């Protein structure tokens, strides 16, 4: 009889992975950013090696880095460490007045071992172990994609940890970098295409995504930023001789303005984000194809 995921297996596996759809508010995110990075690098071909790189990049940027962030946010370790830092019982069992340098060193080592045994080890739950394995798998896939991918993966993990410490509202900018800029650049670098224009478009759409996150959180002041950034995208497309693409993005800007009127009436940020995401996606794809052709 096959055991369920929630029960302890009688024998066999040591590790269980749980992949499931998250049903996000918008479909904009690391998967779309990575696909745009692939298109910008000219990697959207039907060759076997190219398809393998695309699959690995998508697996790294969305499920694995997403699992790292989700497990860190779902873990109780962050709050528990804050509480544990106020506790002194683990440090008070040893003599503070050791005379010799060697005795003081031994005392410090014993104190740290006791702190790990009494405070840290009980906090190592399934989320922390899941983060460990997600991080190992992520770095292994990044190593296949190249050294730049490894560096960007490590940066994404560090930024996710910082976001968890400062909160989702203050850390929305870090989340935008992890979910747009880094996936775009990982996918582009995997195909050896790492240019200024590719980075510039990735950065602009990261700012648009950050503005969208702010609006979804009810911060209406980000509406003006979306309009200004859309104008910047149009200017960049014109500068790269993608005139038709710039015209399409301009039509999307008009649609943005119409939906903003609706948002000012009902103040439904999540609804606004869901309605305008298709126009942002179109602009991202147009920018990516303009770099390819």
Protein backbone atom coordinates (compact mmCIF):
# COMPACT_ATOMS: atom_id res chain seq x y z
CA UNK A 1 0.00 0.00 0.00
CA UNK A 2 1.40 3.41 -0.98
CA UNK A 3 1.77 5.81 1.91
CA UNK A 4 0.37 9.31 1.66
CA UNK A 5 2.67 12.31 1.67
CA UNK A 6 1.67 13.25 5.20
CA UNK A 7 2.46 9.87 6.76
CA UNK A 8 5.86 8.56 7.73
CA UNK A 9 7.02 5.96 5.18
CA UNK A 10 7.71 2.49 6.58
CA UNK A 11 10.90 2.10 4.58
CA UNK A 12 12.65 3.50 1.56
CA UNK A 13 12.93 7.20 0.81
CA UNK A 14 14.81 9.64 3.01
CA UNK A 15 13.60 12.79 1.25
CA UNK A 16 10.22 13.80 -0.24
CA UNK A 17 9.70 16.75 -2.58
CA UNK A 18 6.32 18.41 -2.96
CA UNK A 19 5.72 20.32 -6.23
CA UNK A 20 2.28 21.84 -6.74
CA UNK A 21 0.73 24.80 -8.59
CA UNK A 22 0.59 27.98 -6.55
CA UNK A 23 -2.28 29.69 -8.42
CA UNK A 24 -0.75 33.19 -8.29
CA UNK A 25 -2.67 36.42 -8.66
CA UNK A 26 -0.92 37.07 -11.99
CA UNK A 27 0.95 34.80 -14.35
CA UNK A 28 3.75 37.38 -14.55
CA UNK A 29 6.79 36.17 -12.69
CA UNK A 30 10.02 34.19 -12.99
CA UNK A 31 8.75 31.77 -15.64
CA UNK A 32 7.74 34.57 -18.00
CA UNK A 33 10.95 36.50 -17.26
CA UNK A 34 13.07 33.42 -17.98
CA UNK A 35 11.22 32.81 -21.25
CA UNK A 36 11.85 36.42 -22.26
CA UNK A 37 15.51 35.94 -21.43
CA UNK A 38 15.60 32.85 -23.64
CA UNK A 39 13.93 34.73 -26.51
CA UNK A 40 16.25 37.72 -26.12
CA UNK A 41 19.24 35.39 -26.33
CA UNK A 42 17.91 33.66 -29.44
CA UNK A 43 17.58 30.34 -27.65
CA UNK A 44 13.98 29.64 -28.64
CA UNK A 45 14.84 26.85 -31.10
CA UNK A 46 13.89 23.22 -31.42
CA UNK A 47 17.39 21.85 -30.99
CA UNK A 48 17.71 19.26 -28.26
CA UNK A 49 20.43 21.05 -26.32
CA UNK A 50 18.60 24.38 -26.45
CA UNK A 51 15.39 22.79 -25.18
CA UNK A 52 17.32 21.17 -22.33
CA UNK A 53 18.81 24.52 -21.31
CA UNK A 54 15.36 26.15 -21.43
CA UNK A 55 13.86 23.42 -19.23
CA UNK A 56 16.70 23.64 -16.72
CA UNK A 57 16.46 27.43 -16.60
CA UNK A 58 12.70 27.33 -16.00
CA UNK A 59 13.09 24.65 -13.33
CA UNK A 60 15.77 26.68 -11.58
CA UNK A 61 14.09 30.10 -11.76
CA UNK A 62 10.56 29.13 -10.77
CA UNK A 63 10.16 25.90 -8.76
CA UNK A 64 13.54 25.77 -7.01
CA UNK A 65 14.18 29.44 -6.25
CA UNK A 66 10.47 29.78 -5.52
CA UNK A 67 10.68 26.85 -3.09
CA UNK A 68 13.69 28.44 -1.38
CA UNK A 69 11.75 31.66 -0.82
CA UNK A 70 8.48 29.97 0.18
CA UNK A 71 10.15 27.62 2.67
CA UNK A 72 12.05 30.51 4.25
CA UNK A 73 8.85 32.52 4.64
CA UNK A 74 7.01 29.48 5.99
CA UNK A 75 9.69 28.56 8.51
CA UNK A 76 9.48 29.51 12.17
CA UNK A 77 13.26 29.72 12.39
CA UNK A 78 13.40 33.49 11.78
CA UNK A 79 11.12 34.43 14.66
CA UNK A 80 12.53 31.71 16.89
CA UNK A 81 16.08 32.96 16.42
CA UNK A 82 14.98 36.44 17.42
CA UNK A 83 13.50 35.03 20.60
CA UNK A 84 16.49 32.79 21.20
CA UNK A 85 18.90 35.71 20.98
CA UNK A 86 17.31 37.08 24.16
CA UNK A 87 17.91 33.88 26.05
CA UNK A 88 21.05 33.60 28.10
CA UNK A 89 20.54 30.24 29.78
CA UNK A 90 22.56 28.45 27.14
CA UNK A 91 25.50 30.76 27.84
CA UNK A 92 25.40 30.82 31.62
CA UNK A 93 26.48 27.29 32.44
CA UNK A 94 30.18 27.95 32.01
CA UNK A 95 32.69 30.00 33.89
CA UNK A 96 33.11 33.56 32.65
CA UNK A 97 36.32 33.98 34.63
CA UNK A 98 38.60 31.40 33.07
CA UNK A 99 42.13 32.57 33.67
CA UNK A 100 44.22 31.20 30.83
CA UNK A 101 43.71 31.90 27.14
CA UNK A 102 43.28 28.18 26.41
CA UNK A 103 40.68 27.86 29.15
CA UNK A 104 38.73 30.83 27.76
CA UNK A 105 38.86 29.31 24.26
CA UNK A 106 37.56 25.99 25.53
CA UNK A 107 34.81 27.77 27.43
CA UNK A 108 33.75 29.69 24.31
CA UNK A 109 33.66 26.48 22.23
CA UNK A 110 31.58 24.68 24.86
CA UNK A 111 29.17 27.61 25.01
CA UNK A 112 28.66 27.63 21.25
CA UNK A 113 28.14 23.88 21.16
CA UNK A 114 25.57 24.19 23.93
CA UNK A 115 23.83 27.05 22.12
CA UNK A 116 23.56 24.99 18.92
CA UNK A 117 22.36 21.90 20.81
CA UNK A 118 19.80 23.67 22.99
CA UNK A 119 18.56 26.49 20.73
CA UNK A 120 19.44 25.98 17.08
CA UNK A 121 19.03 22.24 16.63
CA UNK A 122 15.40 22.07 17.91
CA UNK A 123 14.52 24.74 15.32
CA UNK A 124 15.80 22.72 12.35
CA UNK A 125 12.39 21.74 10.99
CA UNK A 126 11.24 20.38 7.64
CA UNK A 127 11.20 23.86 6.08
CA UNK A 128 14.88 24.43 6.82
CA UNK A 129 15.81 21.00 5.49
CA UNK A 130 13.68 21.70 2.43
CA UNK A 131 15.56 24.96 1.90
CA UNK A 132 18.84 23.08 2.12
CA UNK A 133 17.90 20.57 -0.56
CA UNK A 134 16.24 23.19 -2.78
CA UNK A 135 19.42 25.25 -2.53
CA UNK A 136 21.64 22.29 -3.38
CA UNK A 137 19.51 21.35 -6.39
CA UNK A 138 19.32 24.97 -7.51
CA UNK A 139 23.08 25.45 -7.40
CA UNK A 140 23.60 22.13 -9.18
CA UNK A 141 21.33 23.21 -12.05
CA UNK A 142 22.95 26.64 -12.12
CA UNK A 143 26.37 24.99 -12.43
CA UNK A 144 25.15 23.27 -15.59
CA UNK A 145 24.02 26.64 -17.00
CA UNK A 146 27.29 28.42 -16.29
CA UNK A 147 29.26 30.45 -13.76
CA UNK A 148 27.10 33.55 -14.20
CA UNK A 149 24.01 31.47 -13.44
CA UNK A 150 25.64 30.20 -10.25
CA UNK A 151 26.44 33.74 -9.09
CA UNK A 152 22.92 34.96 -9.91
CA UNK A 153 21.37 31.97 -8.14
CA UNK A 154 23.35 32.66 -5.00
CA UNK A 155 22.34 36.32 -5.21
CA UNK A 156 18.66 35.35 -5.53
CA UNK A 157 18.90 33.15 -2.43
CA UNK A 158 20.55 35.90 -0.39
CA UNK A 159 17.98 38.50 -1.48
CA UNK A 160 15.14 36.14 -0.55
CA UNK A 161 16.63 35.76 2.94
CA UNK A 162 16.88 39.53 3.30
CA UNK A 163 13.28 39.96 2.11
CA UNK A 164 12.17 37.52 4.77
CA UNK A 165 13.88 39.60 7.43
CA UNK A 166 12.50 43.00 6.41
CA UNK A 167 9.00 41.85 5.38
CA UNK A 168 7.08 41.50 2.13
CA UNK A 169 6.02 45.15 1.93
CA UNK A 170 9.46 46.69 2.43
CA UNK A 171 11.06 43.83 0.51
CA UNK A 172 8.87 44.05 -2.58
CA UNK A 173 11.74 45.53 -4.56
CA UNK A 174 13.96 42.58 -3.66
CA UNK A 175 11.20 40.20 -4.68
CA UNK A 176 10.90 41.94 -8.05
CA UNK A 177 14.64 41.52 -8.63
CA UNK A 178 14.50 37.83 -7.70
CA UNK A 179 11.45 37.13 -9.86
CA UNK A 180 12.17 39.25 -12.94
CA UNK A 181 15.76 40.50 -13.28
CA UNK A 182 17.58 37.38 -12.13
CA UNK A 183 15.50 34.83 -14.11
CA UNK A 184 15.83 36.98 -17.26
CA UNK A 185 19.60 37.22 -16.85
CA UNK A 186 20.05 33.55 -15.89
CA UNK A 187 18.25 32.45 -19.05
CA UNK A 188 20.16 34.92 -21.23
CA UNK A 189 23.53 34.06 -19.76
CA UNK A 190 22.87 30.34 -20.25
CA UNK A 191 22.92 31.01 -24.01
CA UNK A 192 25.92 33.31 -23.80
CA UNK A 193 23.93 36.48 -24.51
CA UNK A 194 24.56 39.04 -21.80
CA UNK A 195 24.26 42.54 -23.25
CA UNK A 196 23.52 46.01 -21.96
CA UNK A 197 20.15 46.22 -23.76
CA UNK A 198 19.02 42.89 -22.37
CA UNK A 199 19.90 44.00 -18.85
CA UNK A 200 18.24 47.39 -19.40
CA UNK A 201 14.94 45.85 -20.50
CA UNK A 202 15.06 43.36 -17.63
CA UNK A 203 15.60 46.21 -15.16
CA UNK A 204 12.75 48.31 -16.55
CA UNK A 205 10.30 45.42 -16.41
CA UNK A 206 11.52 44.66 -12.89
CA UNK A 207 10.48 48.18 -11.90
CA UNK A 208 7.10 47.70 -13.62
CA UNK A 209 6.64 44.44 -11.74
CA UNK A 210 7.56 46.19 -8.49
CA UNK A 211 4.94 48.83 -9.21
CA UNK A 212 2.40 46.10 -9.92
CA UNK A 213 3.19 44.45 -6.58
CA UNK A 214 2.69 47.80 -4.85
CA UNK A 215 -0.68 48.36 -6.53
CA UNK A 216 -1.78 44.84 -5.62
CA UNK A 217 -0.95 45.75 -2.00
CA UNK A 218 -3.19 48.84 -2.26
CA UNK A 219 -0.47 51.44 -2.86
CA UNK A 220 -1.99 53.61 -5.56
CA UNK A 221 1.02 55.91 -5.86
CA UNK A 222 2.68 53.30 -8.07
CA UNK A 223 0.26 54.08 -10.94
CA UNK A 224 2.35 57.03 -12.08
CA UNK A 225 5.46 54.88 -12.07
CA UNK A 226 3.86 52.31 -14.38
CA UNK A 227 2.94 55.05 -16.85
CA UNK A 228 6.44 56.56 -16.81
CA UNK A 229 8.07 53.15 -17.18
CA UNK A 230 5.78 52.28 -20.10
CA UNK A 231 6.92 55.47 -21.81
CA UNK A 232 10.51 54.45 -21.14
CA UNK A 233 9.88 51.04 -22.75
CA UNK A 234 8.43 52.77 -25.82
CA UNK A 235 11.48 55.03 -26.05
CA UNK A 236 13.84 52.07 -25.73
CA UNK A 237 11.99 50.16 -28.47
CA UNK A 238 12.18 53.17 -30.76
CA UNK A 239 15.90 53.46 -30.04
CA UNK A 240 16.33 49.79 -30.99
CA UNK A 241 14.39 50.32 -34.28
CA UNK A 242 11.37 48.28 -33.13
CA UNK A 243 8.83 50.86 -34.30
CA UNK A 244 5.89 48.47 -34.66
CA UNK A 245 6.58 47.05 -31.23
CA UNK A 246 6.68 50.54 -29.77
CA UNK A 247 3.28 51.27 -31.31
CA UNK A 248 1.81 48.11 -29.76
CA UNK A 249 3.19 49.01 -26.35
CA UNK A 250 1.72 52.50 -26.75
CA UNK A 251 -1.71 50.93 -27.28
CA UNK A 252 -1.13 48.94 -24.11
CA UNK A 253 -0.36 52.16 -22.27
CA UNK A 254 -3.75 53.52 -23.33
CA UNK A 255 -5.35 50.37 -21.93
CA UNK A 256 -3.42 50.92 -18.69
CA UNK A 257 -4.83 54.42 -18.40
CA UNK A 258 -8.38 53.16 -18.86
CA UNK A 259 -7.96 50.48 -16.20
CA UNK A 260 -6.44 53.06 -13.86
CA UNK A 261 -9.67 55.04 -14.03
CA UNK A 262 -11.50 51.90 -12.94
CA UNK A 263 -8.94 51.31 -10.15
CA UNK A 264 -9.43 54.83 -8.76
CA UNK A 265 -13.13 54.05 -8.40
CA UNK A 266 -13.06 50.59 -6.79
CA UNK A 267 -9.48 50.59 -5.32
CA UNK A 268 -9.15 46.91 -6.23
CA UNK A 269 -5.41 46.55 -6.68
CA UNK A 270 -5.48 42.78 -7.24
CA UNK A 271 -8.11 43.17 -9.93
CA UNK A 272 -6.09 45.89 -11.64
CA UNK A 273 -2.98 43.70 -11.61
CA UNK A 274 -4.89 40.82 -13.16
CA UNK A 275 -6.36 43.01 -15.90
CA UNK A 276 -3.19 44.80 -17.01
CA UNK A 277 -0.83 41.82 -16.80
CA UNK A 278 -1.53 40.82 -20.41
CA UNK A 279 -0.35 44.23 -21.66
CA UNK A 280 2.83 43.98 -19.59
CA UNK A 281 3.43 40.47 -20.89
CA UNK A 282 2.99 41.69 -24.47
CA UNK A 283 5.51 44.48 -23.86
CA UNK A 284 8.02 42.00 -22.37
CA UNK A 285 7.70 39.65 -25.33
CA UNK A 286 8.02 42.52 -27.81
CA UNK A 287 11.17 43.73 -26.06
CA UNK A 288 12.63 40.21 -26.03
CA UNK A 289 11.91 39.63 -29.72
CA UNK A 290 13.38 43.04 -30.58
CA UNK A 291 16.67 41.87 -29.04
CA UNK A 292 16.53 38.58 -30.94
CA UNK A 293 15.88 39.90 -34.45
